[in-house]
mmCIF file of all heavy atoms, coordinates in Angstrom:
data_MODEL
# 
_entry.id   MODEL 
# 
loop_
_atom_site.group_PDB 
_atom_site.id 
_atom_site.type_symbol 
_atom_site.label_atom_id 
_atom_site.label_alt_id 
_atom_site.label_comp_id 
_atom_site.label_asym_id 
_atom_site.label_entity_id 
_atom_site.label_seq_id 
_atom_site.pdbx_PDB_ins_code 
_atom_site.Cartn_x 
_atom_site.Cartn_y 
_atom_site.Cartn_z 
_atom_site.occupancy 
_atom_site.B_iso_or_equiv 
_atom_site.pdbx_formal_charge 
_atom_site.auth_seq_id 
_atom_site.auth_comp_id 
_atom_site.auth_asym_id 
_atom_site.auth_atom_id 
_atom_site.pdbx_PDB_model_num 
ATOM 1   N N   . LEU A 1 1  ? 17.166 10.389 -14.750 1.00 0.00 ? 1  LEU A N   1 
ATOM 2   C CA  . LEU A 1 1  ? 17.850 11.530 -15.366 1.00 0.00 ? 1  LEU A CA  1 
ATOM 3   C C   . LEU A 1 1  ? 17.343 11.755 -16.785 1.00 0.00 ? 1  LEU A C   1 
ATOM 4   O O   . LEU A 1 1  ? 17.110 12.894 -17.205 1.00 0.00 ? 1  LEU A O   1 
ATOM 5   C CB  . LEU A 1 1  ? 19.356 11.287 -15.362 1.00 0.00 ? 1  LEU A CB  1 
ATOM 6   C CG  . LEU A 1 1  ? 20.240 12.354 -16.028 1.00 0.00 ? 1  LEU A CG  1 
ATOM 7   C CD1 . LEU A 1 1  ? 20.101 13.698 -15.319 1.00 0.00 ? 1  LEU A CD1 1 
ATOM 8   C CD2 . LEU A 1 1  ? 21.695 11.906 -16.027 1.00 0.00 ? 1  LEU A CD2 1 
ATOM 9   N N   . HIS A 1 2  ? 17.163 10.683 -17.525 1.00 0.00 ? 2  HIS A N   1 
ATOM 10  C CA  . HIS A 1 2  ? 16.721 10.817 -18.915 1.00 0.00 ? 2  HIS A CA  1 
ATOM 11  C C   . HIS A 1 2  ? 15.351 11.471 -19.000 1.00 0.00 ? 2  HIS A C   1 
ATOM 12  O O   . HIS A 1 2  ? 15.127 12.394 -19.803 1.00 0.00 ? 2  HIS A O   1 
ATOM 13  C CB  . HIS A 1 2  ? 16.707 9.442  -19.584 1.00 0.00 ? 2  HIS A CB  1 
ATOM 14  C CG  . HIS A 1 2  ? 16.202 9.467  -20.991 1.00 0.00 ? 2  HIS A CG  1 
ATOM 15  N ND1 . HIS A 1 2  ? 16.675 10.352 -21.934 1.00 0.00 ? 2  HIS A ND1 1 
ATOM 16  C CD2 . HIS A 1 2  ? 15.253 8.726  -21.631 1.00 0.00 ? 2  HIS A CD2 1 
ATOM 17  C CE1 . HIS A 1 2  ? 16.051 10.156 -23.096 1.00 0.00 ? 2  HIS A CE1 1 
ATOM 18  N NE2 . HIS A 1 2  ? 15.180 9.184  -22.925 1.00 0.00 ? 2  HIS A NE2 1 
ATOM 19  N N   . PHE A 1 3  ? 14.413 11.015 -18.181 1.00 0.00 ? 3  PHE A N   1 
ATOM 20  C CA  . PHE A 1 3  ? 13.077 11.595 -18.220 1.00 0.00 ? 3  PHE A CA  1 
ATOM 21  C C   . PHE A 1 3  ? 13.056 13.006 -17.633 1.00 0.00 ? 3  PHE A C   1 
ATOM 22  O O   . PHE A 1 3  ? 12.095 13.740 -17.856 1.00 0.00 ? 3  PHE A O   1 
ATOM 23  C CB  . PHE A 1 3  ? 12.090 10.691 -17.485 1.00 0.00 ? 3  PHE A CB  1 
ATOM 24  C CG  . PHE A 1 3  ? 11.594 9.557  -18.339 1.00 0.00 ? 3  PHE A CG  1 
ATOM 25  C CD1 . PHE A 1 3  ? 12.284 8.358  -18.384 1.00 0.00 ? 3  PHE A CD1 1 
ATOM 26  C CD2 . PHE A 1 3  ? 10.464 9.682  -19.106 1.00 0.00 ? 3  PHE A CD2 1 
ATOM 27  C CE1 . PHE A 1 3  ? 11.853 7.304  -19.171 1.00 0.00 ? 3  PHE A CE1 1 
ATOM 28  C CE2 . PHE A 1 3  ? 10.013 8.639  -19.910 1.00 0.00 ? 3  PHE A CE2 1 
ATOM 29  C CZ  . PHE A 1 3  ? 10.714 7.440  -19.937 1.00 0.00 ? 3  PHE A CZ  1 
ATOM 30  N N   . SER A 1 4  ? 14.095 13.373 -16.913 1.00 0.00 ? 4  SER A N   1 
ATOM 31  C CA  . SER A 1 4  ? 14.207 14.738 -16.389 1.00 0.00 ? 4  SER A CA  1 
ATOM 32  C C   . SER A 1 4  ? 14.634 15.728 -17.466 1.00 0.00 ? 4  SER A C   1 
ATOM 33  O O   . SER A 1 4  ? 14.530 16.938 -17.265 1.00 0.00 ? 4  SER A O   1 
ATOM 34  C CB  . SER A 1 4  ? 15.241 14.793 -15.248 1.00 0.00 ? 4  SER A CB  1 
ATOM 35  O OG  . SER A 1 4  ? 14.895 13.945 -14.187 1.00 0.00 ? 4  SER A OG  1 
ATOM 36  N N   . ARG A 1 5  ? 15.123 15.237 -18.597 1.00 0.00 ? 5  ARG A N   1 
ATOM 37  C CA  . ARG A 1 5  ? 15.720 16.098 -19.607 1.00 0.00 ? 5  ARG A CA  1 
ATOM 38  C C   . ARG A 1 5  ? 14.947 16.112 -20.926 1.00 0.00 ? 5  ARG A C   1 
ATOM 39  O O   . ARG A 1 5  ? 15.416 16.689 -21.901 1.00 0.00 ? 5  ARG A O   1 
ATOM 40  C CB  . ARG A 1 5  ? 17.167 15.653 -19.869 1.00 0.00 ? 5  ARG A CB  1 
ATOM 41  C CG  . ARG A 1 5  ? 18.113 15.846 -18.691 1.00 0.00 ? 5  ARG A CG  1 
ATOM 42  C CD  . ARG A 1 5  ? 19.487 15.268 -18.991 1.00 0.00 ? 5  ARG A CD  1 
ATOM 43  N NE  . ARG A 1 5  ? 20.078 15.847 -20.176 1.00 0.00 ? 5  ARG A NE  1 
ATOM 44  C CZ  . ARG A 1 5  ? 20.947 16.864 -20.174 1.00 0.00 ? 5  ARG A CZ  1 
ATOM 45  N NH1 . ARG A 1 5  ? 21.319 17.412 -19.030 1.00 0.00 ? 5  ARG A NH1 1 
ATOM 46  N NH2 . ARG A 1 5  ? 21.444 17.316 -21.311 1.00 0.00 ? 5  ARG A NH2 1 
ATOM 47  N N   . THR A 1 6  ? 13.808 15.483 -20.975 1.00 0.00 ? 6  THR A N   1 
ATOM 48  C CA  . THR A 1 6  ? 12.995 15.462 -22.191 1.00 0.00 ? 6  THR A CA  1 
ATOM 49  C C   . THR A 1 6  ? 11.613 15.986 -21.868 1.00 0.00 ? 6  THR A C   1 
ATOM 50  O O   . THR A 1 6  ? 11.030 15.604 -20.848 1.00 0.00 ? 6  THR A O   1 
ATOM 51  C CB  . THR A 1 6  ? 12.903 14.034 -22.769 1.00 0.00 ? 6  THR A CB  1 
ATOM 52  O OG1 . THR A 1 6  ? 14.219 13.573 -23.087 1.00 0.00 ? 6  THR A OG1 1 
ATOM 53  C CG2 . THR A 1 6  ? 12.078 14.022 -24.044 1.00 0.00 ? 6  THR A CG2 1 
ATOM 54  N N   . ALA A 1 7  ? 11.079 16.840 -22.732 1.00 0.00 ? 7  ALA A N   1 
ATOM 55  C CA  . ALA A 1 7  ? 9.831  17.565 -22.428 1.00 0.00 ? 7  ALA A CA  1 
ATOM 56  C C   . ALA A 1 7  ? 8.591  16.710 -22.651 1.00 0.00 ? 7  ALA A C   1 
ATOM 57  O O   . ALA A 1 7  ? 7.678  17.074 -23.402 1.00 0.00 ? 7  ALA A O   1 
ATOM 58  C CB  . ALA A 1 7  ? 9.761  18.846 -23.256 1.00 0.00 ? 7  ALA A CB  1 
ATOM 59  N N   . TRP A 1 8  ? 8.584  15.548 -21.997 1.00 0.00 ? 8  TRP A N   1 
ATOM 60  C CA  . TRP A 1 8  ? 7.368  14.774 -21.847 1.00 0.00 ? 8  TRP A CA  1 
ATOM 61  C C   . TRP A 1 8  ? 6.729  15.172 -20.517 1.00 0.00 ? 8  TRP A C   1 
ATOM 62  O O   . TRP A 1 8  ? 7.336  15.882 -19.710 1.00 0.00 ? 8  TRP A O   1 
ATOM 63  C CB  . TRP A 1 8  ? 7.692  13.274 -21.872 1.00 0.00 ? 8  TRP A CB  1 
ATOM 64  C CG  . TRP A 1 8  ? 8.328  12.811 -23.146 1.00 0.00 ? 8  TRP A CG  1 
ATOM 65  C CD1 . TRP A 1 8  ? 7.987  13.194 -24.407 1.00 0.00 ? 8  TRP A CD1 1 
ATOM 66  C CD2 . TRP A 1 8  ? 9.413  11.876 -23.282 1.00 0.00 ? 8  TRP A CD2 1 
ATOM 67  N NE1 . TRP A 1 8  ? 8.795  12.557 -25.330 1.00 0.00 ? 8  TRP A NE1 1 
ATOM 68  C CE2 . TRP A 1 8  ? 9.681  11.740 -24.675 1.00 0.00 ? 8  TRP A CE2 1 
ATOM 69  C CE3 . TRP A 1 8  ? 10.188 11.136 -22.382 1.00 0.00 ? 8  TRP A CE3 1 
ATOM 70  C CZ2 . TRP A 1 8  ? 10.669 10.910 -25.174 1.00 0.00 ? 8  TRP A CZ2 1 
ATOM 71  C CZ3 . TRP A 1 8  ? 11.177 10.304 -22.895 1.00 0.00 ? 8  TRP A CZ3 1 
ATOM 72  C CH2 . TRP A 1 8  ? 11.413 10.191 -24.265 1.00 0.00 ? 8  TRP A CH2 1 
ATOM 73  N N   . ASP A 1 9  ? 5.516  14.691 -20.267 1.00 0.00 ? 9  ASP A N   1 
ATOM 74  C CA  . ASP A 1 9  ? 4.838  15.077 -19.027 1.00 0.00 ? 9  ASP A CA  1 
ATOM 75  C C   . ASP A 1 9  ? 4.788  13.949 -18.006 1.00 0.00 ? 9  ASP A C   1 
ATOM 76  O O   . ASP A 1 9  ? 4.077  14.032 -17.010 1.00 0.00 ? 9  ASP A O   1 
ATOM 77  C CB  . ASP A 1 9  ? 3.416  15.579 -19.320 1.00 0.00 ? 9  ASP A CB  1 
ATOM 78  C CG  . ASP A 1 9  ? 2.570  14.548 -20.050 1.00 0.00 ? 9  ASP A CG  1 
ATOM 79  O OD1 . ASP A 1 9  ? 3.116  13.510 -20.451 1.00 0.00 ? 9  ASP A OD1 1 
ATOM 80  O OD2 . ASP A 1 9  ? 1.358  14.796 -20.243 1.00 0.00 ? 9  ASP A OD2 1 
ATOM 81  N N   . ASN A 1 10 ? 5.584  12.879 -18.227 1.00 0.00 ? 10 ASN A N   1 
ATOM 82  C CA  . ASN A 1 10 ? 5.558  11.728 -17.323 1.00 0.00 ? 10 ASN A CA  1 
ATOM 83  C C   . ASN A 1 10 ? 6.019  12.075 -15.915 1.00 0.00 ? 10 ASN A C   1 
ATOM 84  O O   . ASN A 1 10 ? 5.582  11.469 -14.934 1.00 0.00 ? 10 ASN A O   1 
ATOM 85  C CB  . ASN A 1 10 ? 6.471  10.617 -17.866 1.00 0.00 ? 10 ASN A CB  1 
ATOM 86  C CG  . ASN A 1 10 ? 6.365  10.451 -19.355 1.00 0.00 ? 10 ASN A CG  1 
ATOM 87  O OD1 . ASN A 1 10 ? 6.808  11.313 -20.105 1.00 0.00 ? 10 ASN A OD1 1 
ATOM 88  N ND2 . ASN A 1 10 ? 5.791  9.353  -19.795 1.00 0.00 ? 10 ASN A ND2 1 
ATOM 89  N N   . MET A 1 11 ? 6.943  13.043 -15.809 1.00 0.00 ? 11 MET A N   1 
ATOM 90  C CA  . MET A 1 11 ? 7.572  13.339 -14.528 1.00 0.00 ? 11 MET A CA  1 
ATOM 91  C C   . MET A 1 11 ? 6.574  13.802 -13.470 1.00 0.00 ? 11 MET A C   1 
ATOM 92  O O   . MET A 1 11 ? 6.793  13.615 -12.267 1.00 0.00 ? 11 MET A O   1 
ATOM 93  C CB  . MET A 1 11 ? 8.663  14.396 -14.712 1.00 0.00 ? 11 MET A CB  1 
ATOM 94  C CG  . MET A 1 11 ? 9.513  14.669 -13.483 1.00 0.00 ? 11 MET A CG  1 
ATOM 95  S SD  . MET A 1 11 ? 10.381 13.205 -12.839 1.00 0.00 ? 11 MET A SD  1 
ATOM 96  C CE  . MET A 1 11 ? 11.556 12.910 -14.163 1.00 0.00 ? 11 MET A CE  1 
ATOM 97  N N   . ASN A 1 12 ? 5.454  14.398 -13.901 1.00 0.00 ? 12 ASN A N   1 
ATOM 98  C CA  . ASN A 1 12 ? 4.526  14.882 -12.867 1.00 0.00 ? 12 ASN A CA  1 
ATOM 99  C C   . ASN A 1 12 ? 3.921  13.741 -12.054 1.00 0.00 ? 12 ASN A C   1 
ATOM 100 O O   . ASN A 1 12 ? 3.587  13.923 -10.878 1.00 0.00 ? 12 ASN A O   1 
ATOM 101 C CB  . ASN A 1 12 ? 3.441  15.780 -13.460 1.00 0.00 ? 12 ASN A CB  1 
ATOM 102 C CG  . ASN A 1 12 ? 2.559  15.100 -14.483 1.00 0.00 ? 12 ASN A CG  1 
ATOM 103 O OD1 . ASN A 1 12 ? 2.275  13.900 -14.410 1.00 0.00 ? 12 ASN A OD1 1 
ATOM 104 N ND2 . ASN A 1 12 ? 2.094  15.864 -15.462 1.00 0.00 ? 12 ASN A ND2 1 
ATOM 105 N N   . ALA A 1 13 ? 3.817  12.543 -12.648 1.00 0.00 ? 13 ALA A N   1 
ATOM 106 C CA  . ALA A 1 13 ? 3.281  11.406 -11.893 1.00 0.00 ? 13 ALA A CA  1 
ATOM 107 C C   . ALA A 1 13 ? 4.191  11.049 -10.731 1.00 0.00 ? 13 ALA A C   1 
ATOM 108 O O   . ALA A 1 13 ? 3.727  10.730 -9.629  1.00 0.00 ? 13 ALA A O   1 
ATOM 109 C CB  . ALA A 1 13 ? 3.087  10.203 -12.806 1.00 0.00 ? 13 ALA A CB  1 
ATOM 110 N N   . ALA A 1 14 ? 5.516  11.101 -10.945 1.00 0.00 ? 14 ALA A N   1 
ATOM 111 C CA  . ALA A 1 14 ? 6.464  10.802 -9.875  1.00 0.00 ? 14 ALA A CA  1 
ATOM 112 C C   . ALA A 1 14 ? 6.367  11.849 -8.766  1.00 0.00 ? 14 ALA A C   1 
ATOM 113 O O   . ALA A 1 14 ? 6.378  11.514 -7.573  1.00 0.00 ? 14 ALA A O   1 
ATOM 114 C CB  . ALA A 1 14 ? 7.887  10.750 -10.427 1.00 0.00 ? 14 ALA A CB  1 
ATOM 115 N N   . LEU A 1 15 ? 6.270  13.110 -9.147  1.00 0.00 ? 15 LEU A N   1 
ATOM 116 C CA  . LEU A 1 15 ? 6.154  14.180 -8.155  1.00 0.00 ? 15 LEU A CA  1 
ATOM 117 C C   . LEU A 1 15 ? 4.881  14.029 -7.324  1.00 0.00 ? 15 LEU A C   1 
ATOM 118 O O   . LEU A 1 15 ? 4.916  14.111 -6.088  1.00 0.00 ? 15 LEU A O   1 
ATOM 119 C CB  . LEU A 1 15 ? 6.159  15.534 -8.863  1.00 0.00 ? 15 LEU A CB  1 
ATOM 120 C CG  . LEU A 1 15 ? 5.868  16.764 -7.984  1.00 0.00 ? 15 LEU A CG  1 
ATOM 121 C CD1 . LEU A 1 15 ? 6.899  16.903 -6.875  1.00 0.00 ? 15 LEU A CD1 1 
ATOM 122 C CD2 . LEU A 1 15 ? 5.826  18.028 -8.842  1.00 0.00 ? 15 LEU A CD2 1 
ATOM 123 N N   . PHE A 1 16 ? 3.757  13.797 -7.977  1.00 0.00 ? 16 PHE A N   1 
ATOM 124 C CA  . PHE A 1 16 ? 2.491  13.687 -7.256  1.00 0.00 ? 16 PHE A CA  1 
ATOM 125 C C   . PHE A 1 16 ? 2.457  12.439 -6.375  1.00 0.00 ? 16 PHE A C   1 
ATOM 126 O O   . PHE A 1 16 ? 1.860  12.451 -5.289  1.00 0.00 ? 16 PHE A O   1 
ATOM 127 C CB  . PHE A 1 16 ? 1.321  13.675 -8.242  1.00 0.00 ? 16 PHE A CB  1 
ATOM 128 C CG  . PHE A 1 16 ? 1.245  14.897 -9.116  1.00 0.00 ? 16 PHE A CG  1 
ATOM 129 C CD1 . PHE A 1 16 ? 0.673  14.836 -10.377 1.00 0.00 ? 16 PHE A CD1 1 
ATOM 130 C CD2 . PHE A 1 16 ? 1.762  16.108 -8.688  1.00 0.00 ? 16 PHE A CD2 1 
ATOM 131 C CE1 . PHE A 1 16 ? 0.601  15.961 -11.187 1.00 0.00 ? 16 PHE A CE1 1 
ATOM 132 C CE2 . PHE A 1 16 ? 1.703  17.243 -9.500  1.00 0.00 ? 16 PHE A CE2 1 
ATOM 133 C CZ  . PHE A 1 16 ? 1.121  17.166 -10.746 1.00 0.00 ? 16 PHE A CZ  1 
ATOM 134 N N   . ALA A 1 17 ? 3.105  11.355 -6.823  1.00 0.00 ? 17 ALA A N   1 
ATOM 135 C CA  . ALA A 1 17 ? 3.145  10.133 -6.016  1.00 0.00 ? 17 ALA A CA  1 
ATOM 136 C C   . ALA A 1 17 ? 3.939  10.349 -4.741  1.00 0.00 ? 17 ALA A C   1 
ATOM 137 O O   . ALA A 1 17 ? 3.496  9.971  -3.641  1.00 0.00 ? 17 ALA A O   1 
ATOM 138 C CB  . ALA A 1 17 ? 3.750  8.989  -6.830  1.00 0.00 ? 17 ALA A CB  1 
ATOM 139 N N   . VAL A 1 18 ? 5.114  10.953 -4.859  1.00 0.00 ? 18 VAL A N   1 
ATOM 140 C CA  . VAL A 1 18 ? 5.928  11.220 -3.666  1.00 0.00 ? 18 VAL A CA  1 
ATOM 141 C C   . VAL A 1 18 ? 5.204  12.182 -2.736  1.00 0.00 ? 18 VAL A C   1 
ATOM 142 O O   . VAL A 1 18 ? 5.182  11.989 -1.510  1.00 0.00 ? 18 VAL A O   1 
ATOM 143 C CB  . VAL A 1 18 ? 7.300  11.783 -4.074  1.00 0.00 ? 18 VAL A CB  1 
ATOM 144 C CG1 . VAL A 1 18 ? 8.091  12.218 -2.849  1.00 0.00 ? 18 VAL A CG1 1 
ATOM 145 C CG2 . VAL A 1 18 ? 8.095  10.736 -4.851  1.00 0.00 ? 18 VAL A CG2 1 
ATOM 146 N N   . GLY A 1 19 ? 4.593  13.220 -3.299  1.00 0.00 ? 19 GLY A N   1 
ATOM 147 C CA  . GLY A 1 19 ? 3.850  14.176 -2.478  1.00 0.00 ? 19 GLY A CA  1 
ATOM 148 C C   . GLY A 1 19 ? 2.681  13.533 -1.764  1.00 0.00 ? 19 GLY A C   1 
ATOM 149 O O   . GLY A 1 19 ? 2.442  13.794 -0.581  1.00 0.00 ? 19 GLY A O   1 
ATOM 150 N N   . ALA A 1 20 ? 1.944  12.667 -2.472  1.00 0.00 ? 20 ALA A N   1 
ATOM 151 C CA  . ALA A 1 20 ? 0.806  11.992 -1.854  1.00 0.00 ? 20 ALA A CA  1 
ATOM 152 C C   . ALA A 1 20 ? 1.255  11.060 -0.743  1.00 0.00 ? 20 ALA A C   1 
ATOM 153 O O   . ALA A 1 20 ? 0.618  10.978 0.318   1.00 0.00 ? 20 ALA A O   1 
ATOM 154 C CB  . ALA A 1 20 ? 0.019  11.221 -2.908  1.00 0.00 ? 20 ALA A CB  1 
ATOM 155 N N   . CYS A 1 21 ? 2.354  10.348 -0.962  1.00 0.00 ? 21 CYS A N   1 
ATOM 156 C CA  . CYS A 1 21 ? 2.867  9.435  0.059   1.00 0.00 ? 21 CYS A CA  1 
ATOM 157 C C   . CYS A 1 21 ? 3.273  10.198 1.316   1.00 0.00 ? 21 CYS A C   1 
ATOM 158 O O   . CYS A 1 21 ? 2.918  9.815  2.439   1.00 0.00 ? 21 CYS A O   1 
ATOM 159 C CB  . CYS A 1 21 ? 4.048  8.650  -0.503  1.00 0.00 ? 21 CYS A CB  1 
ATOM 160 S SG  . CYS A 1 21 ? 4.657  7.350  0.597   1.00 0.00 ? 21 CYS A SG  1 
ATOM 161 N N   . TYR A 1 22 ? 3.991  11.291 1.128   1.00 0.00 ? 22 TYR A N   1 
ATOM 162 C CA  . TYR A 1 22 ? 4.444  12.081 2.273   1.00 0.00 ? 22 TYR A CA  1 
ATOM 163 C C   . TYR A 1 22 ? 3.261  12.684 3.035   1.00 0.00 ? 22 TYR A C   1 
ATOM 164 O O   . TYR A 1 22 ? 3.178  12.583 4.276   1.00 0.00 ? 22 TYR A O   1 
ATOM 165 C CB  . TYR A 1 22 ? 5.374  13.197 1.804   1.00 0.00 ? 22 TYR A CB  1 
ATOM 166 C CG  . TYR A 1 22 ? 5.895  14.080 2.914   1.00 0.00 ? 22 TYR A CG  1 
ATOM 167 C CD1 . TYR A 1 22 ? 6.918  13.643 3.745   1.00 0.00 ? 22 TYR A CD1 1 
ATOM 168 C CD2 . TYR A 1 22 ? 5.346  15.331 3.146   1.00 0.00 ? 22 TYR A CD2 1 
ATOM 169 C CE1 . TYR A 1 22 ? 7.393  14.438 4.780   1.00 0.00 ? 22 TYR A CE1 1 
ATOM 170 C CE2 . TYR A 1 22 ? 5.809  16.144 4.167   1.00 0.00 ? 22 TYR A CE2 1 
ATOM 171 C CZ  . TYR A 1 22 ? 6.838  15.689 4.983   1.00 0.00 ? 22 TYR A CZ  1 
ATOM 172 O OH  . TYR A 1 22 ? 7.293  16.491 5.998   1.00 0.00 ? 22 TYR A OH  1 
ATOM 173 N N   . ALA A 1 23 ? 2.338  13.313 2.313   1.00 0.00 ? 23 ALA A N   1 
ATOM 174 C CA  . ALA A 1 23 ? 1.200  13.967 2.964   1.00 0.00 ? 23 ALA A CA  1 
ATOM 175 C C   . ALA A 1 23 ? 0.335  12.949 3.696   1.00 0.00 ? 23 ALA A C   1 
ATOM 176 O O   . ALA A 1 23 ? -0.139 13.207 4.818   1.00 0.00 ? 23 ALA A O   1 
ATOM 177 C CB  . ALA A 1 23 ? 0.370  14.719 1.928   1.00 0.00 ? 23 ALA A CB  1 
ATOM 178 N N   . THR A 1 24 ? 0.127  11.776 3.086   1.00 0.00 ? 24 THR A N   1 
ATOM 179 C CA  . THR A 1 24 ? -0.725 10.765 3.716   1.00 0.00 ? 24 THR A CA  1 
ATOM 180 C C   . THR A 1 24 ? -0.063 10.188 4.961   1.00 0.00 ? 24 THR A C   1 
ATOM 181 O O   . THR A 1 24 ? -0.734 9.950  5.981   1.00 0.00 ? 24 THR A O   1 
ATOM 182 C CB  . THR A 1 24 ? -1.059 9.652  2.710   1.00 0.00 ? 24 THR A CB  1 
ATOM 183 O OG1 . THR A 1 24 ? -1.622 10.218 1.533   1.00 0.00 ? 24 THR A OG1 1 
ATOM 184 C CG2 . THR A 1 24 ? -2.053 8.671  3.313   1.00 0.00 ? 24 THR A CG2 1 
ATOM 185 N N   . GLN A 1 25 ? 1.251  9.966  4.905   1.00 0.00 ? 25 GLN A N   1 
ATOM 186 C CA  . GLN A 1 25 ? 1.956  9.499  6.099   1.00 0.00 ? 25 GLN A CA  1 
ATOM 187 C C   . GLN A 1 25 ? 1.828  10.509 7.232   1.00 0.00 ? 25 GLN A C   1 
ATOM 188 O O   . GLN A 1 25 ? 1.565  10.133 8.381   1.00 0.00 ? 25 GLN A O   1 
ATOM 189 C CB  . GLN A 1 25 ? 3.429  9.258  5.782   1.00 0.00 ? 25 GLN A CB  1 
ATOM 190 C CG  . GLN A 1 25 ? 3.728  7.899  5.196   1.00 0.00 ? 25 GLN A CG  1 
ATOM 191 C CD  . GLN A 1 25 ? 5.214  7.573  5.215   1.00 0.00 ? 25 GLN A CD  1 
ATOM 192 O OE1 . GLN A 1 25 ? 6.053  8.455  5.347   1.00 0.00 ? 25 GLN A OE1 1 
ATOM 193 N NE2 . GLN A 1 25 ? 5.536  6.300  5.071   1.00 0.00 ? 25 GLN A NE2 1 
ATOM 194 N N   . ARG A 1 26 ? 2.035  11.779 6.916   1.00 0.00 ? 26 ARG A N   1 
ATOM 195 C CA  . ARG A 1 26 ? 1.909  12.803 7.948   1.00 0.00 ? 26 ARG A CA  1 
ATOM 196 C C   . ARG A 1 26 ? 0.484  12.851 8.496   1.00 0.00 ? 26 ARG A C   1 
ATOM 197 O O   . ARG A 1 26 ? 0.270  13.003 9.709   1.00 0.00 ? 26 ARG A O   1 
ATOM 198 C CB  . ARG A 1 26 ? 2.298  14.171 7.385   1.00 0.00 ? 26 ARG A CB  1 
ATOM 199 C CG  . ARG A 1 26 ? 3.767  14.342 6.992   1.00 0.00 ? 26 ARG A CG  1 
ATOM 200 C CD  . ARG A 1 26 ? 4.687  14.241 8.197   1.00 0.00 ? 26 ARG A CD  1 
ATOM 201 N NE  . ARG A 1 26 ? 4.397  15.206 9.228   1.00 0.00 ? 26 ARG A NE  1 
ATOM 202 C CZ  . ARG A 1 26 ? 4.975  16.404 9.328   1.00 0.00 ? 26 ARG A CZ  1 
ATOM 203 N NH1 . ARG A 1 26 ? 5.884  16.774 8.430   1.00 0.00 ? 26 ARG A NH1 1 
ATOM 204 N NH2 . ARG A 1 26 ? 4.671  17.223 10.321  1.00 0.00 ? 26 ARG A NH2 1 
ATOM 205 N N   . ALA A 1 27 ? -0.482 12.717 7.604   1.00 0.00 ? 27 ALA A N   1 
ATOM 206 C CA  . ALA A 1 27 ? -1.880 12.765 8.032   1.00 0.00 ? 27 ALA A CA  1 
ATOM 207 C C   . ALA A 1 27 ? -2.220 11.612 8.965   1.00 0.00 ? 27 ALA A C   1 
ATOM 208 O O   . ALA A 1 27 ? -2.919 11.792 9.974   1.00 0.00 ? 27 ALA A O   1 
ATOM 209 C CB  . ALA A 1 27 ? -2.788 12.732 6.803   1.00 0.00 ? 27 ALA A CB  1 
ATOM 210 N N   . LEU A 1 28 ? -1.710 10.416 8.665   1.00 0.00 ? 28 LEU A N   1 
ATOM 211 C CA  . LEU A 1 28 ? -2.013 9.242  9.478   1.00 0.00 ? 28 LEU A CA  1 
ATOM 212 C C   . LEU A 1 28 ? -1.352 9.300  10.848  1.00 0.00 ? 28 LEU A C   1 
ATOM 213 O O   . LEU A 1 28 ? -1.762 8.605  11.773  1.00 0.00 ? 28 LEU A O   1 
ATOM 214 C CB  . LEU A 1 28 ? -1.574 7.974  8.744   1.00 0.00 ? 28 LEU A CB  1 
ATOM 215 C CG  . LEU A 1 28 ? -2.430 7.596  7.524   1.00 0.00 ? 28 LEU A CG  1 
ATOM 216 C CD1 . LEU A 1 28 ? -1.734 6.543  6.680   1.00 0.00 ? 28 LEU A CD1 1 
ATOM 217 C CD2 . LEU A 1 28 ? -3.804 7.102  7.969   1.00 0.00 ? 28 LEU A CD2 1 
ATOM 218 N N   . GLU A 1 29 ? -0.334 10.145 10.985  1.00 0.00 ? 29 GLU A N   1 
ATOM 219 C CA  . GLU A 1 29 ? 0.339  10.294 12.279  1.00 0.00 ? 29 GLU A CA  1 
ATOM 220 C C   . GLU A 1 29 ? -0.347 11.320 13.172  1.00 0.00 ? 29 GLU A C   1 
ATOM 221 O O   . GLU A 1 29 ? -0.051 11.401 14.371  1.00 0.00 ? 29 GLU A O   1 
ATOM 222 C CB  . GLU A 1 29 ? 1.796  10.693 12.059  1.00 0.00 ? 29 GLU A CB  1 
ATOM 223 C CG  . GLU A 1 29 ? 2.630  9.588  11.424  1.00 0.00 ? 29 GLU A CG  1 
ATOM 224 C CD  . GLU A 1 29 ? 4.003  10.069 10.997  1.00 0.00 ? 29 GLU A CD  1 
ATOM 225 O OE1 . GLU A 1 29 ? 4.265  11.286 11.124  1.00 0.00 ? 29 GLU A OE1 1 
ATOM 226 O OE2 . GLU A 1 29 ? 4.815  9.247  10.546  1.00 0.00 ? 29 GLU A OE2 1 
# 
């Protein structure tokens, strides 16, 4: 929540990690 409310750019790493995990799982299936 804290990192969601401060204008740093760290949050994009979490988004890209979740997206990569989901896309790769789907691809492997």
